[in-house]
N, C-alpha and C. Protein backbone atom coordinates (compact mmCIF):
# COMPACT_ATOMS: atom_id res chain seq x y z
N MET A 1 -6.48 6.73 4.01
CA MET A 1 -7.95 7.47 4.54
C MET A 1 -7.49 7.69 5.97
N LYS A 2 -7.84 8.85 6.43
CA LYS A 2 -7.92 8.79 7.95
C LYS A 2 -9.27 8.97 8.25
N VAL A 3 -9.44 8.31 9.07
CA VAL A 3 -11.08 8.13 9.85
C VAL A 3 -11.01 8.59 11.05
N LEU A 4 -11.96 9.48 11.49
CA LEU A 4 -12.10 9.55 13.26
C LEU A 4 -13.66 9.62 13.86
N LEU A 5 -13.50 8.42 15.02
CA LEU A 5 -14.66 8.31 15.11
C LEU A 5 -15.11 9.48 16.77
N ILE A 6 -15.90 9.84 16.73
CA ILE A 6 -16.69 10.05 17.90
C ILE A 6 -17.63 9.90 18.32
N ASP A 7 -17.99 9.09 19.94
CA ASP A 7 -18.55 8.70 20.24
C ASP A 7 -18.72 8.03 22.20
N ASP A 8 -19.17 8.15 22.42
CA ASP A 8 -18.57 8.18 24.09
C ASP A 8 -18.47 7.00 24.86
N ASP A 9 -18.94 5.71 23.49
CA ASP A 9 -19.28 4.32 23.94
C ASP A 9 -18.18 3.82 23.38
N LYS A 10 -17.12 2.81 24.68
CA LYS A 10 -16.38 2.84 23.78
C LYS A 10 -16.37 1.28 22.97
N ILE A 11 -17.26 0.62 23.38
CA ILE A 11 -17.57 -0.18 22.76
C ILE A 11 -18.23 -0.21 21.81
N ASN A 12 -19.13 0.63 21.14
CA ASN A 12 -18.98 1.26 19.89
C ASN A 12 -18.17 1.58 18.90
N ASN A 13 -17.03 2.15 19.52
CA ASN A 13 -15.89 2.41 18.65
C ASN A 13 -14.91 1.90 18.58
N PHE A 14 -14.83 -0.04 19.75
CA PHE A 14 -13.83 -0.61 19.15
C PHE A 14 -14.48 -1.29 17.60
N LEU A 15 -15.93 -1.89 18.07
CA LEU A 15 -16.32 -2.54 16.66
C LEU A 15 -16.36 -2.07 15.37
N ASN A 16 -16.86 -0.56 15.37
CA ASN A 16 -16.78 0.25 14.70
C ASN A 16 -14.81 0.31 13.68
N ARG A 17 -13.92 0.33 15.02
CA ARG A 17 -12.81 0.64 14.28
C ARG A 17 -12.73 -0.78 13.49
N SER A 18 -12.74 -2.03 14.44
CA SER A 18 -12.65 -3.13 13.55
C SER A 18 -13.57 -3.11 12.34
N ILE A 19 -14.64 -2.67 12.30
CA ILE A 19 -15.40 -3.00 10.84
C ILE A 19 -14.64 -2.35 9.63
N ILE A 20 -13.97 -0.78 10.26
CA ILE A 20 -13.28 0.05 9.45
C ILE A 20 -12.37 -0.87 8.77
N GLU A 21 -11.03 -1.46 9.71
CA GLU A 21 -10.28 -1.82 9.69
C GLU A 21 -9.98 -3.37 8.91
N LYS A 22 -11.56 -3.65 8.95
CA LYS A 22 -11.20 -5.08 8.37
C LYS A 22 -11.37 -4.65 7.26
N HIS A 23 -12.32 -3.85 6.44
CA HIS A 23 -12.58 -3.38 5.17
C HIS A 23 -11.71 -3.06 4.40
N CYS A 24 -11.31 -2.09 5.06
CA CYS A 24 -10.21 -0.84 4.57
C CYS A 24 -8.63 -1.26 4.45
N GLY A 25 -7.92 -2.18 4.92
CA GLY A 25 -7.30 -2.85 5.31
C GLY A 25 -6.03 -1.33 6.09
N THR A 26 -5.12 -1.70 5.08
CA THR A 26 -4.07 -0.63 6.07
C THR A 26 -3.70 0.79 5.26
N GLU A 27 -4.86 1.09 4.09
CA GLU A 27 -5.18 1.81 3.38
C GLU A 27 -5.96 3.15 4.95
N CYS A 28 -6.65 2.66 6.02
CA CYS A 28 -7.71 3.80 6.45
C CYS A 28 -6.87 3.62 8.11
N VAL A 29 -6.54 5.04 8.45
CA VAL A 29 -5.84 4.74 9.57
C VAL A 29 -6.43 5.63 10.67
N VAL A 30 -7.70 4.67 11.81
CA VAL A 30 -8.36 5.41 12.56
C VAL A 30 -8.00 5.50 13.76
N SER A 31 -8.75 7.05 14.49
CA SER A 31 -8.47 7.67 15.62
C SER A 31 -9.87 7.50 16.17
N GLU A 32 -9.74 7.78 17.15
CA GLU A 32 -10.96 8.06 18.40
C GLU A 32 -11.18 9.25 19.61
N PHE A 33 -12.45 9.46 19.31
CA PHE A 33 -12.61 10.13 20.80
C PHE A 33 -13.67 9.50 21.55
N ILE A 34 -13.67 9.27 22.85
CA ILE A 34 -14.85 9.41 23.59
C ILE A 34 -15.41 11.17 24.47
N ASN A 35 -15.10 11.52 24.26
CA ASN A 35 -14.92 13.03 24.66
C ASN A 35 -15.53 13.94 23.70
N PRO A 36 -16.40 14.33 23.54
CA PRO A 36 -16.87 14.95 22.16
C PRO A 36 -16.25 16.79 22.73
N GLU A 37 -15.74 17.08 23.93
CA GLU A 37 -15.09 18.74 23.85
C GLU A 37 -13.84 18.04 23.26
N GLU A 38 -12.97 16.89 23.77
CA GLU A 38 -11.64 16.69 23.15
C GLU A 38 -12.01 16.76 21.60
N ALA A 39 -12.49 15.75 21.33
CA ALA A 39 -12.47 16.05 19.85
C ALA A 39 -12.77 17.56 19.16
N TYR A 40 -13.83 18.00 19.96
CA TYR A 40 -13.90 19.44 19.06
C TYR A 40 -12.47 20.26 19.19
N GLU A 41 -11.95 20.31 20.43
CA GLU A 41 -10.78 20.74 20.20
C GLU A 41 -9.24 20.16 19.10
N PHE A 42 -9.52 18.65 19.14
CA PHE A 42 -8.86 18.58 18.16
C PHE A 42 -9.32 19.00 16.36
N LEU A 43 -10.46 18.97 16.34
CA LEU A 43 -11.15 19.67 15.06
C LEU A 43 -10.52 21.06 15.07
N LYS A 44 -10.97 21.72 15.79
CA LYS A 44 -10.20 23.45 15.81
C LYS A 44 -9.09 23.31 15.84
N ASP A 45 -8.08 22.57 16.77
CA ASP A 45 -6.64 22.75 15.55
C ASP A 45 -6.58 22.32 14.55
N CYS A 46 -7.31 20.88 14.24
CA CYS A 46 -7.00 21.12 12.47
C CYS A 46 -7.49 21.98 11.81
N SER A 47 -8.51 22.20 11.67
CA SER A 47 -8.86 23.55 10.92
C SER A 47 -7.56 24.71 10.80
N LEU A 48 -7.11 24.76 12.09
CA LEU A 48 -6.47 26.33 12.26
C LEU A 48 -5.02 26.05 12.44
N THR A 49 -4.39 24.73 12.10
CA THR A 49 -3.09 25.04 12.27
C THR A 49 -2.55 23.26 11.88
N ASN A 50 -3.60 22.70 12.11
CA ASN A 50 -2.70 21.28 11.48
C ASN A 50 -3.09 20.33 10.68
N HIS A 51 -3.13 20.95 9.23
CA HIS A 51 -4.57 20.83 7.93
C HIS A 51 -3.85 19.07 7.80
N GLU A 52 -2.75 19.01 7.53
CA GLU A 52 -2.08 17.21 7.93
C GLU A 52 -2.78 16.41 8.61
N ASN A 53 -3.38 16.55 9.40
CA ASN A 53 -3.47 15.66 10.35
C ASN A 53 -5.61 15.46 10.62
N CYS A 54 -5.87 16.42 9.87
CA CYS A 54 -7.04 16.44 9.61
C CYS A 54 -8.07 15.26 9.55
N PRO A 55 -8.86 14.72 9.48
CA PRO A 55 -9.47 13.26 9.06
C PRO A 55 -10.23 13.46 7.89
N ASP A 56 -10.43 12.56 7.07
CA ASP A 56 -10.73 12.46 5.79
C ASP A 56 -11.82 11.95 6.01
N VAL A 57 -12.83 11.34 7.04
CA VAL A 57 -13.94 11.37 7.33
C VAL A 57 -13.80 11.16 8.43
N ILE A 58 -15.27 11.59 9.27
CA ILE A 58 -14.89 11.92 10.66
C ILE A 58 -16.82 11.22 10.85
N PHE A 59 -17.12 10.39 11.92
CA PHE A 59 -18.30 9.55 11.79
C PHE A 59 -18.77 10.42 13.83
N LEU A 60 -19.58 10.64 13.23
CA LEU A 60 -19.81 11.43 14.94
C LEU A 60 -21.37 11.32 15.43
N ASP A 61 -21.54 10.36 16.58
CA ASP A 61 -22.48 10.05 17.44
C ASP A 61 -23.25 11.45 17.72
N ILE A 62 -24.72 11.02 17.97
CA ILE A 62 -25.98 13.09 18.24
C ILE A 62 -26.02 12.27 19.34
N ASN A 63 -26.23 11.09 20.25
CA ASN A 63 -26.27 11.26 21.75
C ASN A 63 -25.04 10.72 22.20
N MET A 64 -24.67 11.87 23.25
CA MET A 64 -23.75 11.99 24.35
C MET A 64 -23.47 12.79 24.99
N PRO A 65 -23.59 12.26 26.32
CA PRO A 65 -23.87 13.17 27.60
C PRO A 65 -23.00 14.60 27.70
N GLU A 66 -21.87 14.62 27.67
CA GLU A 66 -21.28 15.91 27.91
C GLU A 66 -21.74 16.69 26.51
N MET A 67 -21.44 16.51 25.14
CA MET A 67 -22.02 16.95 24.12
C MET A 67 -22.54 16.58 23.07
N SER A 68 -23.94 17.16 22.41
CA SER A 68 -24.33 16.21 21.63
C SER A 68 -23.38 16.07 20.32
N GLY A 69 -23.70 15.32 18.93
CA GLY A 69 -23.02 15.71 18.00
C GLY A 69 -23.64 16.98 17.45
N PHE A 70 -24.64 16.91 17.81
CA PHE A 70 -25.26 18.19 17.52
C PHE A 70 -24.63 19.83 17.61
N GLU A 71 -24.57 19.13 19.17
CA GLU A 71 -24.17 20.70 19.72
C GLU A 71 -22.75 20.59 19.40
N LEU A 72 -21.92 19.64 18.97
CA LEU A 72 -20.81 19.79 18.93
C LEU A 72 -20.35 20.28 17.69
N LEU A 73 -21.16 20.24 16.33
CA LEU A 73 -21.76 20.84 14.90
C LEU A 73 -22.30 22.20 15.19
N GLU A 74 -22.75 22.65 15.73
CA GLU A 74 -23.22 24.02 16.08
C GLU A 74 -22.46 24.86 16.61
N LYS A 75 -21.38 24.53 17.49
CA LYS A 75 -19.88 24.94 18.22
C LYS A 75 -19.11 24.88 16.97
N MET A 76 -19.01 24.65 15.97
CA MET A 76 -18.00 24.86 15.06
C MET A 76 -18.73 25.57 14.05
N GLU A 77 -19.62 25.37 13.60
CA GLU A 77 -20.30 26.91 13.01
C GLU A 77 -20.12 28.57 13.63
N GLU A 78 -20.32 28.10 15.02
CA GLU A 78 -20.42 29.35 15.72
C GLU A 78 -18.85 29.77 15.80
N GLU A 79 -17.98 28.66 15.74
CA GLU A 79 -16.47 29.07 16.05
C GLU A 79 -15.77 29.39 14.30
N LYS A 80 -16.52 29.31 13.26
CA LYS A 80 -16.99 29.36 11.89
C LYS A 80 -15.41 28.20 11.25
N ILE A 81 -15.52 27.03 12.23
CA ILE A 81 -14.38 25.95 12.16
C ILE A 81 -14.85 25.12 10.73
N GLN A 82 -13.84 25.17 10.25
CA GLN A 82 -14.60 24.44 8.55
C GLN A 82 -12.99 23.93 8.52
N LEU A 83 -14.02 22.66 7.75
CA LEU A 83 -13.05 21.37 7.49
C LEU A 83 -13.21 20.68 6.13
N PRO A 84 -13.24 21.79 4.99
CA PRO A 84 -13.33 21.69 3.68
C PRO A 84 -12.93 20.34 3.09
N ASN A 85 -11.81 19.50 3.74
CA ASN A 85 -11.63 18.22 3.36
C ASN A 85 -11.96 16.86 4.31
N SER A 86 -12.60 17.04 4.94
CA SER A 86 -13.34 15.82 5.33
C SER A 86 -14.52 16.40 5.37
N ARG A 87 -15.22 14.94 5.27
CA ARG A 87 -17.10 14.11 5.72
C ARG A 87 -17.34 13.73 6.32
N ILE A 88 -18.40 14.42 7.00
CA ILE A 88 -18.98 14.61 8.39
C ILE A 88 -20.17 13.64 8.41
N PHE A 89 -19.71 12.58 8.47
CA PHE A 89 -21.51 11.44 8.78
C PHE A 89 -21.82 11.40 10.10
N ILE A 90 -23.09 11.66 10.22
CA ILE A 90 -23.58 11.18 11.55
C ILE A 90 -23.81 9.59 11.94
N LEU A 91 -23.39 9.05 12.30
CA LEU A 91 -23.93 7.46 12.93
C LEU A 91 -24.38 7.42 13.73
N SER A 92 -25.48 6.81 13.92
CA SER A 92 -26.26 6.66 15.19
C SER A 92 -27.09 5.95 15.33
N SER A 93 -27.32 5.47 16.58
CA SER A 93 -28.78 4.50 16.38
C SER A 93 -30.30 5.52 16.66
N SER A 94 -30.51 6.51 16.58
CA SER A 94 -31.53 7.31 16.76
C SER A 94 -32.56 6.81 15.57
N LEU A 95 -33.57 6.53 15.42
CA LEU A 95 -34.84 6.19 14.18
C LEU A 95 -35.68 7.58 13.55
N ASP A 96 -35.02 8.20 14.87
CA ASP A 96 -36.45 9.88 14.89
C ASP A 96 -36.19 10.90 13.77
N PRO A 97 -36.76 10.94 13.28
CA PRO A 97 -36.87 12.09 11.04
C PRO A 97 -36.44 12.80 11.72
N ASN A 98 -36.75 13.49 13.31
CA ASN A 98 -36.30 14.91 13.18
C ASN A 98 -34.96 15.04 13.67
N ASP A 99 -34.42 13.52 13.86
CA ASP A 99 -32.49 13.92 14.09
C ASP A 99 -32.22 13.55 12.53
N ILE A 100 -32.99 13.15 11.43
CA ILE A 100 -32.50 12.63 10.55
C ILE A 100 -32.30 14.17 9.42
N GLU A 101 -33.84 14.75 9.74
CA GLU A 101 -33.50 15.92 9.68
C GLU A 101 -32.16 17.03 9.95
N ARG A 102 -33.02 17.18 11.20
CA ARG A 102 -31.85 17.86 11.55
C ARG A 102 -30.68 18.17 11.16
N SER A 103 -29.82 16.36 11.21
CA SER A 103 -28.73 16.04 10.27
C SER A 103 -28.72 17.32 8.87
N LYS A 104 -29.41 17.21 7.89
CA LYS A 104 -29.67 17.48 6.98
C LYS A 104 -29.48 19.37 7.04
N SER A 105 -29.72 19.38 8.40
CA SER A 105 -29.08 21.24 8.22
C SER A 105 -27.86 21.71 8.21
N PHE A 106 -26.97 20.88 8.61
CA PHE A 106 -25.73 21.32 8.75
C PHE A 106 -24.95 20.96 7.25
N GLU A 107 -24.55 22.22 6.51
CA GLU A 107 -23.97 22.17 5.72
C GLU A 107 -22.23 20.97 5.50
N SER A 108 -21.80 21.21 7.05
CA SER A 108 -20.87 20.26 7.09
C SER A 108 -21.10 18.72 6.69
N VAL A 109 -22.16 18.35 6.83
CA VAL A 109 -22.61 16.91 7.53
C VAL A 109 -22.86 16.28 5.82
N THR A 110 -22.34 15.26 5.61
CA THR A 110 -22.33 14.72 4.25
C THR A 110 -23.51 13.60 4.60
N ASP A 111 -23.93 12.79 5.30
CA ASP A 111 -25.15 12.09 5.55
C ASP A 111 -25.42 11.39 6.53
N PHE A 112 -26.24 10.87 7.17
CA PHE A 112 -26.57 10.04 8.10
C PHE A 112 -27.00 8.66 8.27
N ILE A 113 -26.09 8.52 8.93
CA ILE A 113 -25.45 6.87 8.59
C ILE A 113 -26.59 5.96 10.50
N SER A 114 -27.39 5.13 10.04
CA SER A 114 -27.89 4.39 10.92
C SER A 114 -26.93 2.91 11.61
N LYS A 115 -27.15 3.10 12.94
CA LYS A 115 -25.84 1.84 13.30
C LYS A 115 -26.66 0.80 13.21
N PRO A 116 -26.14 -0.65 12.76
CA PRO A 116 -24.00 -0.43 12.96
C PRO A 116 -23.95 -0.38 12.04
N LEU A 117 -22.77 0.37 11.98
CA LEU A 117 -21.29 0.28 10.61
C LEU A 117 -21.32 -0.46 9.74
N ASP A 118 -21.24 -1.32 8.68
CA ASP A 118 -20.91 -2.39 8.17
C ASP A 118 -20.49 -2.44 6.96
N LYS A 119 -20.65 -3.34 6.07
CA LYS A 119 -19.12 -3.73 5.47
C LYS A 119 -19.88 -2.36 3.97
N SER A 120 -20.71 -2.45 3.21
CA SER A 120 -21.62 -2.29 2.35
C SER A 120 -21.33 -0.60 2.70
N LYS A 121 -21.27 -0.08 4.31
CA LYS A 121 -21.46 1.45 4.13
C LYS A 121 -20.05 2.17 3.89
N ILE A 122 -18.84 1.17 4.64
CA ILE A 122 -17.55 1.40 4.64
C ILE A 122 -17.36 1.67 3.09
N GLY A 123 -17.83 0.32 2.61
CA GLY A 123 -17.11 -0.02 0.90
C GLY A 123 -18.10 1.77 0.16
N ALA A 124 -19.17 1.99 0.65
CA ALA A 124 -19.60 2.82 -0.48
C ALA A 124 -18.86 4.72 -0.44
N ILE A 125 -18.35 4.13 1.14
CA ILE A 125 -17.88 5.76 1.62
C ILE A 125 -16.17 5.36 0.83
N LYS A 126 -15.48 4.54 1.34
CA LYS A 126 -14.43 4.25 0.62
C LYS A 126 -14.27 4.61 -0.57
N GLU A 127 -15.22 3.92 -1.44
CA GLU A 127 -15.37 4.00 -2.74
C GLU A 127 -15.13 5.45 -3.82
N ASP A 128 -16.24 5.96 -2.80
CA ASP A 128 -16.54 7.66 -2.93
C ASP A 128 -15.24 8.26 -3.10
N PHE A 129 -14.54 7.86 -2.07
CA PHE A 129 -13.22 8.77 -1.98
C PHE A 129 -12.40 8.66 -2.07
N ASP A 130 -12.29 7.16 -2.71
CA ASP A 130 -10.84 6.83 -3.91
C ASP A 130 -11.51 7.97 -5.20
N HIS A 131 -12.82 8.04 -5.26
CA HIS A 131 -12.45 8.68 -6.40
C HIS A 131 -12.70 10.14 -6.78
N SER A 132 -12.63 10.77 -5.65
CA SER A 132 -12.79 11.97 -5.44
C SER A 132 -11.09 12.95 -5.63
């Protein structure tokens, strides 16, 4: 399972990578972007030409200074960038019901997960992935 973390916080990425690797072992390959613009370009490339490098699971933070996670999703929709084999999870510390509702407005978003990522959340995602 290829996992992509998109979060401007290096510490969050380190912690999330550690949790994912601990509970997925060698079955998960984790990569990350701290810059959402670079993540967008990578996902655009995946969509257009580089399908084998597309992540299976994307954890996307919504509160980033350069471009919010919602802005990244909107840009993907505007540019018609589709990742049909990828599952996008909003991973946020936000408890705002508006953010949760807004995440549901994106067809590409599988679910909204509140930080921190933990063993049970990773386990459920991995199990779902294994059965698809």
